[in-house]
């Protein structure tokens, strides 16, 4: 689909911006038309524009077209093996909650989730 075929985009949850499989050149062009991009601290600095940093456990709210307020919480994430952040870059996960709706976890490129913890 082309960006125009996708239609209106209210917000983008971008786990990281450093690899083309998450944000390629075409995606960067799309971001110029999006009112809010929630991403990593370093990614917000690189992207500028409407990109907003979302630190771990920080919350941001987005109001859906129907008036529903969605809370987005930045969740700790690890992009690869512990200690590889200098190579893999930083990453953030997201938890979306809204009254009367099920919660949604968006892990992004997260290798840190461990059921044993």
PDB file of N, CA and C in Angstrom:
ATOM      1  N   UNK A   1       0.834  -1.187   0.000  1.00  0.00           N
ATOM      2  CA  UNK A   1       0.000   0.000   0.000  1.00  0.00           C
ATOM      3  C   UNK A   1       0.878   1.249   0.000  1.00  0.00           C
ATOM      4  N   UNK A   2       0.392   2.254  -0.634  1.00  0.00           N
ATOM      5  CA  UNK A   2       1.078   3.540  -0.579  1.00  0.00           C
ATOM      6  C   UNK A   2       0.639   4.262   0.689  1.00  0.00           C
ATOM      7  N   UNK A   3       1.406   5.236   1.143  1.00  0.00           N
ATOM      8  CA  UNK A   3       0.980   6.006   2.323  1.00  0.00           C
ATOM      9  C   UNK A   3      -0.403   6.627   2.158  1.00  0.00           C
ATOM     10  N   UNK A   4      -0.719   7.079   0.955  1.00  0.00           N
ATOM     11  CA  UNK A   4      -2.038   7.666   0.735  1.00  0.00           C
ATOM     12  C   UNK A   4      -3.151   6.632   0.869  1.00  0.00           C
ATOM     13  N   UNK A   5      -2.878   5.391   0.484  1.00  0.00           N
ATOM     14  CA  UNK A   5      -3.877   4.326   0.615  1.00  0.00           C
ATOM     15  C   UNK A   5      -4.096   3.935   2.067  1.00  0.00           C
ATOM     16  N   UNK A   6      -3.089   4.113   2.902  1.00  0.00           N
ATOM     17  CA  UNK A   6      -3.226   3.797   4.328  1.00  0.00           C
ATOM     18  C   UNK A   6      -4.231   4.737   4.962  1.00  0.00           C
ATOM     19  N   UNK A   7      -4.201   5.981   4.570  1.00  0.00           N
ATOM     20  CA  UNK A   7      -5.118   6.963   5.138  1.00  0.00           C
ATOM     21  C   UNK A   7      -4.518   7.683   6.326  1.00  0.00           C
ATOM     22  N   UNK A   8      -5.384   8.237   7.127  1.00  0.00           N
ATOM     23  CA  UNK A   8      -4.969   9.056   8.273  1.00  0.00           C
ATOM     24  C   UNK A   8      -4.215   8.217   9.304  1.00  0.00           C
ATOM     25  N   UNK A   9      -3.111   8.752   9.779  1.00  0.00           N
ATOM     26  CA  UNK A   9      -2.337   8.119  10.845  1.00  0.00           C
ATOM     27  C   UNK A   9      -2.302   9.109  12.001  1.00  0.00           C
ATOM     28  N   UNK A  10      -2.868   8.716  13.142  1.00  0.00           N
ATOM     29  CA  UNK A  10      -2.931   9.611  14.297  1.00  0.00           C
ATOM     30  C   UNK A  10      -1.627   9.645  15.079  1.00  0.00           C
ATOM     31  N   UNK A  11      -0.933   8.509  15.135  1.00  0.00           N
ATOM     32  CA  UNK A  11       0.318   8.429  15.893  1.00  0.00           C
ATOM     33  C   UNK A  11       1.092   7.204  15.421  1.00  0.00           C
ATOM     34  N   UNK A  12       2.390   7.268  15.592  1.00  0.00           N
ATOM     35  CA  UNK A  12       3.267   6.133  15.286  1.00  0.00           C
ATOM     36  C   UNK A  12       3.995   5.738  16.555  1.00  0.00           C
ATOM     37  N   UNK A  13       3.992   4.443  16.844  1.00  0.00           N
ATOM     38  CA  UNK A  13       4.789   3.889  17.935  1.00  0.00           C
ATOM     39  C   UNK A  13       6.012   3.267  17.293  1.00  0.00           C
ATOM     40  N   UNK A  14       7.160   3.879  17.496  1.00  0.00           N
ATOM     41  CA  UNK A  14       8.384   3.472  16.815  1.00  0.00           C
ATOM     42  C   UNK A  14       9.374   2.947  17.844  1.00  0.00           C
ATOM     43  N   UNK A  15       9.533   1.622  17.897  1.00  0.00           N
ATOM     44  CA  UNK A  15      10.404   1.019  18.908  1.00  0.00           C
ATOM     45  C   UNK A  15      11.844   1.468  18.773  1.00  0.00           C
ATOM     46  N   UNK A  16      12.267   1.749  17.552  1.00  0.00           N
ATOM     47  CA  UNK A  16      13.586   2.330  17.294  1.00  0.00           C
ATOM     48  C   UNK A  16      13.659   2.752  15.833  1.00  0.00           C
ATOM     49  N   UNK A  17      14.585   3.640  15.556  1.00  0.00           N
ATOM     50  CA  UNK A  17      14.671   4.212  14.204  1.00  0.00           C
ATOM     51  C   UNK A  17      15.961   3.849  13.484  1.00  0.00           C
ATOM     52  N   UNK A  18      16.792   3.029  14.086  1.00  0.00           N
ATOM     53  CA  UNK A  18      18.156   2.851  13.588  1.00  0.00           C
ATOM     54  C   UNK A  18      18.332   1.793  12.505  1.00  0.00           C
ATOM     55  N   UNK A  19      17.301   1.005  12.235  1.00  0.00           N
ATOM     56  CA  UNK A  19      17.438  -0.058  11.240  1.00  0.00           C
ATOM     57  C   UNK A  19      16.334   0.054  10.197  1.00  0.00           C
ATOM     58  N   UNK A  20      16.700  -0.192   8.946  1.00  0.00           N
ATOM     59  CA  UNK A  20      15.746  -0.043   7.845  1.00  0.00           C
ATOM     60  C   UNK A  20      14.549  -0.978   7.925  1.00  0.00           C
ATOM     61  N   UNK A  21      14.653  -2.088   8.663  1.00  0.00           N
ATOM     62  CA  UNK A  21      13.490  -2.969   8.772  1.00  0.00           C
ATOM     63  C   UNK A  21      12.433  -2.390   9.705  1.00  0.00           C
ATOM     64  N   UNK A  22      12.782  -1.351  10.440  1.00  0.00           N
ATOM     65  CA  UNK A  22      11.813  -0.666  11.288  1.00  0.00           C
ATOM     66  C   UNK A  22      11.425   0.692  10.732  1.00  0.00           C
ATOM     67  N   UNK A  23      12.395   1.376  10.128  1.00  0.00           N
ATOM     68  CA  UNK A  23      12.109   2.696   9.569  1.00  0.00           C
ATOM     69  C   UNK A  23      13.040   2.945   8.390  1.00  0.00           C
ATOM     70  N   UNK A  24      12.494   2.728   7.200  1.00  0.00           N
ATOM     71  CA  UNK A  24      13.292   2.951   5.992  1.00  0.00           C
ATOM     72  C   UNK A  24      13.073   4.382   5.495  1.00  0.00           C
ATOM     73  N   UNK A  25      13.627   4.704   4.336  1.00  0.00           N
ATOM     74  CA  UNK A  25      13.515   6.068   3.803  1.00  0.00           C
ATOM     75  C   UNK A  25      12.062   6.455   3.537  1.00  0.00           C
ATOM     76  N   UNK A  26      11.276   5.528   3.007  1.00  0.00           N
ATOM     77  CA  UNK A  26       9.860   5.823   2.756  1.00  0.00           C
ATOM     78  C   UNK A  26       9.125   6.075   4.071  1.00  0.00           C
ATOM     79  N   UNK A  27       9.448   5.296   5.087  1.00  0.00           N
ATOM     80  CA  UNK A  27       8.833   5.491   6.398  1.00  0.00           C
ATOM     81  C   UNK A  27       9.180   6.839   7.002  1.00  0.00           C
ATOM     82  N   UNK A  28      10.411   7.257   6.809  1.00  0.00           N
ATOM     83  CA  UNK A  28      10.822   8.579   7.300  1.00  0.00           C
ATOM     84  C   UNK A  28      10.001   9.683   6.624  1.00  0.00           C
ATOM     85  N   UNK A  29       9.693   9.499   5.353  1.00  0.00           N
ATOM     86  CA  UNK A  29       8.855  10.474   4.641  1.00  0.00           C
ATOM     87  C   UNK A  29       7.448  10.503   5.228  1.00  0.00           C
ATOM     88  N   UNK A  30       6.913   9.336   5.553  1.00  0.00           N
ATOM     89  CA  UNK A  30       5.571   9.262   6.137  1.00  0.00           C
ATOM     90  C   UNK A  30       5.534  10.005   7.471  1.00  0.00           C
ATOM     91  N   UNK A  31       6.593   9.873   8.260  1.00  0.00           N
ATOM     92  CA  UNK A  31       6.615  10.519   9.578  1.00  0.00           C
ATOM     93  C   UNK A  31       6.463  12.033   9.493  1.00  0.00           C
ATOM     94  N   UNK A  32       6.831  12.610   8.384  1.00  0.00           N
ATOM     95  CA  UNK A  32       6.697  14.066   8.250  1.00  0.00           C
ATOM     96  C   UNK A  32       5.240  14.509   8.225  1.00  0.00           C
ATOM     97  N   UNK A  33       4.321  13.551   8.004  1.00  0.00           N
ATOM     98  CA  UNK A  33       2.888  13.877   7.945  1.00  0.00           C
ATOM     99  C   UNK A  33       2.125  13.398   9.171  1.00  0.00           C
ATOM    100  N   UNK A  34       2.822  12.807  10.140  1.00  0.00           N
ATOM    101  CA  UNK A  34       2.175  12.233  11.316  1.00  0.00           C
ATOM    102  C   UNK A  34       2.265  13.230  12.475  1.00  0.00           C
ATOM    103  N   UNK A  35       1.144  13.468  13.178  1.00  0.00           N
ATOM    104  CA  UNK A  35       1.167  14.472  14.244  1.00  0.00           C
ATOM    105  C   UNK A  35       1.964  14.078  15.487  1.00  0.00           C
ATOM    106  N   UNK A  36       2.182  12.769  15.710  1.00  0.00           N
ATOM    107  CA  UNK A  36       2.909  12.342  16.906  1.00  0.00           C
ATOM    108  C   UNK A  36       3.637  11.034  16.620  1.00  0.00           C
ATOM    109  N   UNK A  37       4.919  11.015  16.956  1.00  0.00           N
ATOM    110  CA  UNK A  37       5.736   9.804  16.868  1.00  0.00           C
ATOM    111  C   UNK A  37       6.321   9.580  18.254  1.00  0.00           C
ATOM    112  N   UNK A  38       5.982   8.468  18.903  1.00  0.00           N
ATOM    113  CA  UNK A  38       6.561   8.117  20.192  1.00  0.00           C
ATOM    114  C   UNK A  38       7.677   7.121  19.946  1.00  0.00           C
ATOM    115  N   UNK A  39       8.863   7.415  20.480  1.00  0.00           N
ATOM    116  CA  UNK A  39      10.026   6.584  20.191  1.00  0.00           C
ATOM    117  C   UNK A  39      11.043   6.685  21.327  1.00  0.00           C
ATOM    118  N   UNK A  40      12.213   6.146  21.089  1.00  0.00           N
ATOM    119  CA  UNK A  40      13.282   6.162  22.090  1.00  0.00           C
ATOM    120  C   UNK A  40      13.792   7.588  22.315  1.00  0.00           C
ATOM    121  N   UNK A  41      14.508   7.751  23.410  1.00  0.00           N
ATOM    122  CA  UNK A  41      15.105   9.049  23.727  1.00  0.00           C
ATOM    123  C   UNK A  41      16.045   9.478  22.601  1.00  0.00           C
ATOM    124  N   UNK A  42      16.942   8.575  22.196  1.00  0.00           N
ATOM    125  CA  UNK A  42      17.905   8.940  21.149  1.00  0.00           C
ATOM    126  C   UNK A  42      17.215   9.098  19.796  1.00  0.00           C
ATOM    127  N   UNK A  43      16.204   8.282  19.526  1.00  0.00           N
ATOM    128  CA  UNK A  43      15.487   8.374  18.261  1.00  0.00           C
ATOM    129  C   UNK A  43      14.776   9.706  18.104  1.00  0.00           C
ATOM    130  N   UNK A  44      14.178  10.200  19.182  1.00  0.00           N
ATOM    131  CA  UNK A  44      13.507  11.497  19.119  1.00  0.00           C
ATOM    132  C   UNK A  44      14.512  12.594  18.789  1.00  0.00           C
ATOM    133  N   UNK A  45      15.712  12.467  19.336  1.00  0.00           N
ATOM    134  CA  UNK A  45      16.745  13.452  19.039  1.00  0.00           C
ATOM    135  C   UNK A  45      17.190  13.408  17.584  1.00  0.00           C
ATOM    136  N   UNK A  46      17.292  12.202  17.032  1.00  0.00           N
ATOM    137  CA  UNK A  46      17.712  12.072  15.634  1.00  0.00           C
ATOM    138  C   UNK A  46      16.614  12.497  14.668  1.00  0.00           C
ATOM    139  N   UNK A  47      15.367  12.149  14.985  1.00  0.00           N
ATOM    140  CA  UNK A  47      14.262  12.393  14.052  1.00  0.00           C
ATOM    141  C   UNK A  47      13.753  13.827  14.083  1.00  0.00           C
ATOM    142  N   UNK A  48      13.705  14.420  15.267  1.00  0.00           N
ATOM    143  CA  UNK A  48      13.152  15.776  15.375  1.00  0.00           C
ATOM    144  C   UNK A  48      11.695  15.797  14.956  1.00  0.00           C
ATOM    145  N   UNK A  49      11.235  16.918  14.449  1.00  0.00           N
ATOM    146  CA  UNK A  49       9.845  17.031  13.983  1.00  0.00           C
ATOM    147  C   UNK A  49       8.852  16.721  15.087  1.00  0.00           C
ATOM    148  N   UNK A  50       7.930  15.809  14.823  1.00  0.00           N
ATOM    149  CA  UNK A  50       6.890  15.467  15.794  1.00  0.00           C
ATOM    150  C   UNK A  50       7.285  14.282  16.677  1.00  0.00           C
ATOM    151  N   UNK A  51       8.541  13.835  16.562  1.00  0.00           N
ATOM    152  CA  UNK A  51       8.994  12.709  17.382  1.00  0.00           C
ATOM    153  C   UNK A  51       9.141  13.152  18.835  1.00  0.00           C
ATOM    154  N   UNK A  52       8.573  12.355  19.718  1.00  0.00           N
ATOM    155  CA  UNK A  52       8.639  12.629  21.152  1.00  0.00           C
ATOM    156  C   UNK A  52       9.262  11.433  21.842  1.00  0.00           C
ATOM    157  N   UNK A  53      10.207  11.701  22.713  1.00  0.00           N
ATOM    158  CA  UNK A  53      10.851  10.636  23.476  1.00  0.00           C
ATOM    159  C   UNK A  53       9.878  10.068  24.499  1.00  0.00           C
ATOM    160  N   UNK A  54       9.913   8.765  24.658  1.00  0.00           N
ATOM    161  CA  UNK A  54       9.094   8.113  25.669  1.00  0.00           C
ATOM    162  C   UNK A  54      10.024   7.218  26.471  1.00  0.00           C
ATOM    163  N   UNK A  55      10.368   7.669  27.646  1.00  0.00           N
ATOM    164  CA  UNK A  55      11.281   6.914  28.499  1.00  0.00           C
ATOM    165  C   UNK A  55      10.545   5.734  29.110  1.00  0.00           C
ATOM    166  N   UNK A  56      11.310   4.755  29.615  1.00  0.00           N
ATOM    167  CA  UNK A  56      10.705   3.603  30.280  1.00  0.00           C
ATOM    168  C   UNK A  56       9.824   4.099  31.428  1.00  0.00           C
ATOM    169  N   UNK A  57       8.599   3.587  31.485  1.00  0.00           N
ATOM    170  CA  UNK A  57       7.575   3.850  32.494  1.00  0.00           C
ATOM    171  C   UNK A  57       6.939   5.227  32.355  1.00  0.00           C
ATOM    172  N   UNK A  58       7.380   6.022  31.417  1.00  0.00           N
ATOM    173  CA  UNK A  58       6.739   7.314  31.173  1.00  0.00           C
ATOM    174  C   UNK A  58       5.437   7.073  30.402  1.00  0.00           C
ATOM    175  N   UNK A  59       4.449   7.917  30.651  1.00  0.00           N
ATOM    176  CA  UNK A  59       3.161   7.793  29.964  1.00  0.00           C
ATOM    177  C   UNK A  59       2.905   8.991  29.059  1.00  0.00           C
ATOM    178  N   UNK A  60       2.252   8.714  27.959  1.00  0.00           N
ATOM    179  CA  UNK A  60       1.774   9.754  27.046  1.00  0.00           C
ATOM    180  C   UNK A  60       0.322   9.405  26.731  1.00  0.00           C
ATOM    181  N   UNK A  61      -0.474  10.381  26.408  1.00  0.00           N
ATOM    182  CA  UNK A  61      -1.864  10.099  26.045  1.00  0.00           C
ATOM    183  C   UNK A  61      -2.121  10.536  24.607  1.00  0.00           C
ATOM    184  N   UNK A  62      -2.975   9.765  23.972  1.00  0.00           N
ATOM    185  CA  UNK A  62      -3.410  10.040  22.610  1.00  0.00           C
ATOM    186  C   UNK A  62      -4.933   9.992  22.632  1.00  0.00           C
ATOM    187  N   UNK A  63      -5.575  10.974  22.056  1.00  0.00           N
ATOM    188  CA  UNK A  63      -7.032  10.958  21.980  1.00  0.00           C
ATOM    189  C   UNK A  63      -7.445  10.442  20.611  1.00  0.00           C
ATOM    190  N   UNK A  64      -8.172   9.336  20.617  1.00  0.00           N
ATOM    191  CA  UNK A  64      -8.646   8.718  19.374  1.00  0.00           C
ATOM    192  C   UNK A  64      -9.732   9.594  18.749  1.00  0.00           C
ATOM    193  N   UNK A  65      -9.986   9.418  17.455  1.00  0.00           N
ATOM    194  CA  UNK A  65     -11.020  10.222  16.789  1.00  0.00           C
ATOM    195  C   UNK A  65     -12.379  10.171  17.470  1.00  0.00           C
ATOM    196  N   UNK A  66     -12.696   9.054  18.154  1.00  0.00           N
ATOM    197  CA  UNK A  66     -13.993   8.959  18.830  1.00  0.00           C
ATOM    198  C   UNK A  66     -13.977   9.550  20.233  1.00  0.00           C
ATOM    199  N   UNK A  67     -12.830  10.148  20.626  1.00  0.00           N
ATOM    200  CA  UNK A  67     -12.724  10.768  21.946  1.00  0.00           C
ATOM    201  C   UNK A  67     -12.107   9.876  23.011  1.00  0.00           C
ATOM    202  N   UNK A  68     -11.901   8.610  22.708  1.00  0.00           N
ATOM    203  CA  UNK A  68     -11.280   7.704  23.672  1.00  0.00           C
ATOM    204  C   UNK A  68      -9.848   8.141  23.942  1.00  0.00           C
ATOM    205  N   UNK A  69      -9.500   8.216  25.223  1.00  0.00           N
ATOM    206  CA  UNK A  69      -8.136   8.576  25.596  1.00  0.00           C
ATOM    207  C   UNK A  69      -7.339   7.286  25.791  1.00  0.00           C
ATOM    208  N   UNK A  70      -6.295   7.150  25.008  1.00  0.00           N
ATOM    209  CA  UNK A  70      -5.418   5.987  25.061  1.00  0.00           C
ATOM    210  C   UNK A  70      -4.136   6.399  25.782  1.00  0.00           C
ATOM    211  N   UNK A  71      -3.790   5.647  26.813  1.00  0.00           N
ATOM    212  CA  UNK A  71      -2.534   5.886  27.518  1.00  0.00           C
ATOM    213  C   UNK A  71      -1.482   4.954  26.948  1.00  0.00           C
ATOM    214  N   UNK A  72      -0.357   5.516  26.559  1.00  0.00           N
ATOM    215  CA  UNK A  72       0.771   4.737  26.043  1.00  0.00           C
ATOM    216  C   UNK A  72       1.879   4.831  27.075  1.00  0.00           C
ATOM    217  N   UNK A  73       2.297   3.682  27.581  1.00  0.00           N
ATOM    218  CA  UNK A  73       3.376   3.624  28.570  1.00  0.00           C
ATOM    219  C   UNK A  73       4.612   3.043  27.911  1.00  0.00           C
ATOM    220  N   UNK A  74       5.745   3.731  28.060  1.00  0.00           N
ATOM    221  CA  UNK A  74       7.005   3.215  27.546  1.00  0.00           C
ATOM    222  C   UNK A  74       7.486   2.076  28.434  1.00  0.00           C
ATOM    223  N   UNK A  75       7.822   0.951  27.834  1.00  0.00           N
ATOM    224  CA  UNK A  75       8.251  -0.223  28.603  1.00  0.00           C
ATOM    225  C   UNK A  75       9.708  -0.564  28.320  1.00  0.00           C
ATOM    226  N   UNK A  76      10.407  -1.034  29.351  1.00  0.00           N
ATOM    227  CA  UNK A  76      11.796  -1.440  29.152  1.00  0.00           C
ATOM    228  C   UNK A  76      11.895  -2.512  28.072  1.00  0.00           C
ATOM    229  N   UNK A  77      12.913  -2.387  27.274  1.00  0.00           N
ATOM    230  CA  UNK A  77      13.144  -3.347  26.206  1.00  0.00           C
ATOM    231  C   UNK A  77      14.650  -3.433  25.986  1.00  0.00           C
ATOM    232  N   UNK A  78      15.059  -4.511  25.379  1.00  0.00           N
ATOM    233  CA  UNK A  78      16.466  -4.745  25.076  1.00  0.00           C
ATOM    234  C   UNK A  78      16.524  -5.247  23.655  1.00  0.00           C
ATOM    235  N   UNK A  79      17.309  -4.594  22.813  1.00  0.00           N
ATOM    236  CA  UNK A  79      17.290  -4.873  21.388  1.00  0.00           C
ATOM    237  C   UNK A  79      18.063  -6.124  20.993  1.00  0.00           C
ATOM    238  N   UNK A  80      18.874  -6.602  21.835  1.00  0.00           N
ATOM    239  CA  UNK A  80      19.667  -7.790  21.537  1.00  0.00           C
ATOM    240  C   UNK A  80      20.219  -8.312  22.845  1.00  0.00           C
ATOM    241  N   UNK A  81      21.257  -9.104  22.786  1.00  0.00           N
ATOM    242  CA  UNK A  81      21.841  -9.610  24.024  1.00  0.00           C
ATOM    243  C   UNK A  81      22.266  -8.458  24.937  1.00  0.00           C
ATOM    244  N   UNK A  82      22.076  -8.646  26.227  1.00  0.00           N
ATOM    245  CA  UNK A  82      22.467  -7.613  27.179  1.00  0.00           C
ATOM    246  C   UNK A  82      23.923  -7.224  26.954  1.00  0.00           C
ATOM    247  N   UNK A  83      24.177  -5.924  26.934  1.00  0.00           N
ATOM    248  CA  UNK A  83      25.514  -5.417  26.686  1.00  0.00           C
ATOM    249  C   UNK A  83      25.750  -5.038  25.236  1.00  0.00           C
ATOM    250  N   UNK A  84      24.808  -5.370  24.353  1.00  0.00           N
ATOM    251  CA  UNK A  84      24.979  -5.090  22.931  1.00  0.00           C
ATOM    252  C   UNK A  84      24.346  -3.790  22.479  1.00  0.00           C
ATOM    253  N   UNK A  85      23.899  -2.972  23.429  1.00  0.00           N
ATOM    254  CA  UNK A  85      23.188  -1.743  23.070  1.00  0.00           C
ATOM    255  C   UNK A  85      24.011  -0.806  22.183  1.00  0.00           C
ATOM    256  N   UNK A  86      25.328  -0.783  22.395  1.00  0.00           N
ATOM    257  CA  UNK A  86      26.173   0.112  21.592  1.00  0.00           C
ATOM    258  C   UNK A  86      26.126  -0.271  20.112  1.00  0.00           C
ATOM    259  N   UNK A  87      25.906  -1.552  19.830  1.00  0.00           N
ATOM    260  CA  UNK A  87      25.847  -2.026  18.452  1.00  0.00           C
ATOM    261  C   UNK A  87      24.407  -2.027  17.939  1.00  0.00           C
ATOM    262  N   UNK A  88      23.492  -2.555  18.754  1.00  0.00           N
ATOM    263  CA  UNK A  88      22.099  -2.723  18.320  1.00  0.00           C
ATOM    264  C   UNK A  88      21.275  -1.456  18.482  1.00  0.00           C
ATOM    265  N   UNK A  89      21.678  -0.568  19.371  1.00  0.00           N
ATOM    266  CA  UNK A  89      20.916   0.650  19.629  1.00  0.00           C
ATOM    267  C   UNK A  89      19.873   0.446  20.707  1.00  0.00           C
ATOM    268  N   UNK A  90      19.290   1.542  21.143  1.00  0.00           N
ATOM    269  CA  UNK A  90      18.271   1.437  22.187  1.00  0.00           C
ATOM    270  C   UNK A  90      16.911   1.167  21.566  1.00  0.00           C
ATOM    271  N   UNK A  91      15.999   0.707  22.397  1.00  0.00           N
ATOM    272  CA  UNK A  91      14.675   0.304  21.937  1.00  0.00           C
ATOM    273  C   UNK A  91      13.686   0.526  23.080  1.00  0.00           C
ATOM    274  N   UNK A  92      12.437   0.725  22.733  1.00  0.00           N
ATOM    275  CA  UNK A  92      11.389   0.891  23.734  1.00  0.00           C
ATOM    276  C   UNK A  92      10.194   0.042  23.313  1.00  0.00           C
ATOM    277  N   UNK A  93       9.510  -0.518  24.299  1.00  0.00           N
ATOM    278  CA  UNK A  93       8.253  -1.221  24.062  1.00  0.00           C
ATOM    279  C   UNK A  93       7.108  -0.317  24.498  1.00  0.00           C
ATOM    280  N   UNK A  94       5.887  -0.743  24.223  1.00  0.00           N
ATOM    281  CA  UNK A  94       4.733   0.103  24.521  1.00  0.00           C
ATOM    282  C   UNK A  94       3.587  -0.726  25.102  1.00  0.00           C
ATOM    283  N   UNK A  95       2.902  -0.164  26.079  1.00  0.00           N
ATOM    284  CA  UNK A  95       1.658  -0.723  26.596  1.00  0.00           C
ATOM    285  C   UNK A  95       0.571   0.304  26.340  1.00  0.00           C
ATOM    286  N   UNK A  96      -0.481  -0.118  25.646  1.00  0.00           N
ATOM    287  CA  UNK A  96      -1.605   0.768  25.356  1.00  0.00           C
ATOM    288  C   UNK A  96      -2.780   0.358  26.215  1.00  0.00           C
ATOM    289  N   UNK A  97      -3.358   1.319  26.923  1.00  0.00           N
ATOM    290  CA  UNK A  97      -4.539   1.065  27.743  1.00  0.00           C
ATOM    291  C   UNK A  97      -5.567   2.157  27.486  1.00  0.00           C
ATOM    292  N   UNK A  98      -6.835   1.764  27.554  1.00  0.00           N
ATOM    293  CA  UNK A  98      -7.939   2.712  27.397  1.00  0.00           C
ATOM    294  C   UNK A  98      -9.145   2.137  28.126  1.00  0.00           C
ATOM    295  N   UNK A  99      -9.894   2.981  28.792  1.00  0.00           N
ATOM    296  CA  UNK A  99     -11.066   2.502  29.517  1.00  0.00           C
ATOM    297  C   UNK A  99     -12.008   1.717  28.607  1.00  0.00           C
ATOM    298  N   UNK A 100     -12.421   0.536  29.074  1.00  0.00           N
ATOM    299  CA  UNK A 100     -13.370  -0.281  28.329  1.00  0.00           C
ATOM    300  C   UNK A 100     -12.771  -1.066  27.182  1.00  0.00           C
ATOM    301  N   UNK A 101     -11.451  -1.056  27.035  1.00  0.00           N
ATOM    302  CA  UNK A 101     -10.783  -1.771  25.956  1.00  0.00           C
ATOM    303  C   UNK A 101      -9.693  -2.669  26.540  1.00  0.00           C
ATOM    304  N   UNK A 102      -9.391  -3.769  25.864  1.00  0.00           N
ATOM    305  CA  UNK A 102      -8.300  -4.618  26.355  1.00  0.00           C
ATOM    306  C   UNK A 102      -6.954  -3.889  26.203  1.00  0.00           C
ATOM    307  N   UNK A 103      -6.021  -4.198  27.089  1.00  0.00           N
ATOM    308  CA  UNK A 103      -4.670  -3.641  26.995  1.00  0.00           C
ATOM    309  C   UNK A 103      -3.932  -4.311  25.843  1.00  0.00           C
ATOM    310  N   UNK A 104      -3.025  -3.567  25.227  1.00  0.00           N
ATOM    311  CA  UNK A 104      -2.239  -4.091  24.106  1.00  0.00           C
ATOM    312  C   UNK A 104      -0.764  -3.841  24.401  1.00  0.00           C
ATOM    313  N   UNK A 105       0.045  -4.896  24.296  1.00  0.00           N
ATOM    314  CA  UNK A 105       1.490  -4.788  24.465  1.00  0.00           C
ATOM    315  C   UNK A 105       2.138  -4.839  23.086  1.00  0.00           C
ATOM    316  N   UNK A 106       2.921  -3.813  22.769  1.00  0.00           N
ATOM    317  CA  UNK A 106       3.657  -3.766  21.511  1.00  0.00           C
ATOM    318  C   UNK A 106       5.135  -3.843  21.883  1.00  0.00           C
ATOM    319  N   UNK A 107       5.747  -4.972  21.575  1.00  0.00           N
ATOM    320  CA  UNK A 107       7.115  -5.189  22.044  1.00  0.00           C
ATOM    321  C   UNK A 107       8.160  -4.516  21.178  1.00  0.00           C
ATOM    322  N   UNK A 108       7.856  -4.248  19.922  1.00  0.00           N
ATOM    323  CA  UNK A 108       8.892  -3.740  19.028  1.00  0.00           C
ATOM    324  C   UNK A 108       9.943  -4.817  18.821  1.00  0.00           C
ATOM    325  N   UNK A 109      11.171  -4.433  18.600  1.00  0.00           N
ATOM    326  CA  UNK A 109      12.275  -5.395  18.503  1.00  0.00           C
ATOM    327  C   UNK A 109      12.814  -5.614  19.907  1.00  0.00           C
ATOM    328  N   UNK A 110      12.190  -6.489  20.642  1.00  0.00           N
ATOM    329  CA  UNK A 110      12.519  -6.664  22.051  1.00  0.00           C
ATOM    330  C   UNK A 110      12.966  -8.096  22.302  1.00  0.00           C
ATOM    331  N   UNK A 111      14.195  -8.238  22.720  1.00  0.00           N
ATOM    332  CA  UNK A 111      14.729  -9.564  23.032  1.00  0.00           C
ATOM    333  C   UNK A 111      14.783  -9.804  24.533  1.00  0.00           C
ATOM    334  N   UNK A 112      14.204  -8.899  25.339  1.00  0.00           N
ATOM    335  CA  UNK A 112      14.386  -8.992  26.790  1.00  0.00           C
ATOM    336  C   UNK A 112      13.256  -9.685  27.523  1.00  0.00           C
ATOM    337  N   UNK A 113      12.155  -9.957  26.854  1.00  0.00           N
ATOM    338  CA  UNK A 113      11.021 -10.546  27.564  1.00  0.00           C
ATOM    339  C   UNK A 113      11.372 -11.950  27.997  1.00  0.00           C
ATOM    340  N   UNK A 114      11.186 -12.238  29.263  1.00  0.00           N
ATOM    341  CA  UNK A 114      11.570 -13.546  29.805  1.00  0.00           C
ATOM    342  C   UNK A 114      10.521 -13.967  30.817  1.00  0.00           C
ATOM    343  N   UNK A 115       9.821 -15.055  30.568  1.00  0.00           N
ATOM    344  CA  UNK A 115       8.754 -15.503  31.459  1.00  0.00           C
ATOM    345  C   UNK A 115       9.288 -15.952  32.801  1.00  0.00           C
ATOM    346  N   UNK A 116      10.535 -16.337  32.860  1.00  0.00           N
ATOM    347  CA  UNK A 116      11.109 -16.844  34.102  1.00  0.00           C
ATOM    348  C   UNK A 116      11.398 -15.714  35.085  1.00  0.00           C
ATOM    349  N   UNK A 117      11.442 -14.492  34.639  1.00  0.00           N
ATOM    350  CA  UNK A 117      11.775 -13.383  35.551  1.00  0.00           C
ATOM    351  C   UNK A 117      10.626 -13.040  36.436  1.00  0.00           C
TER     352      UNK A 117
END
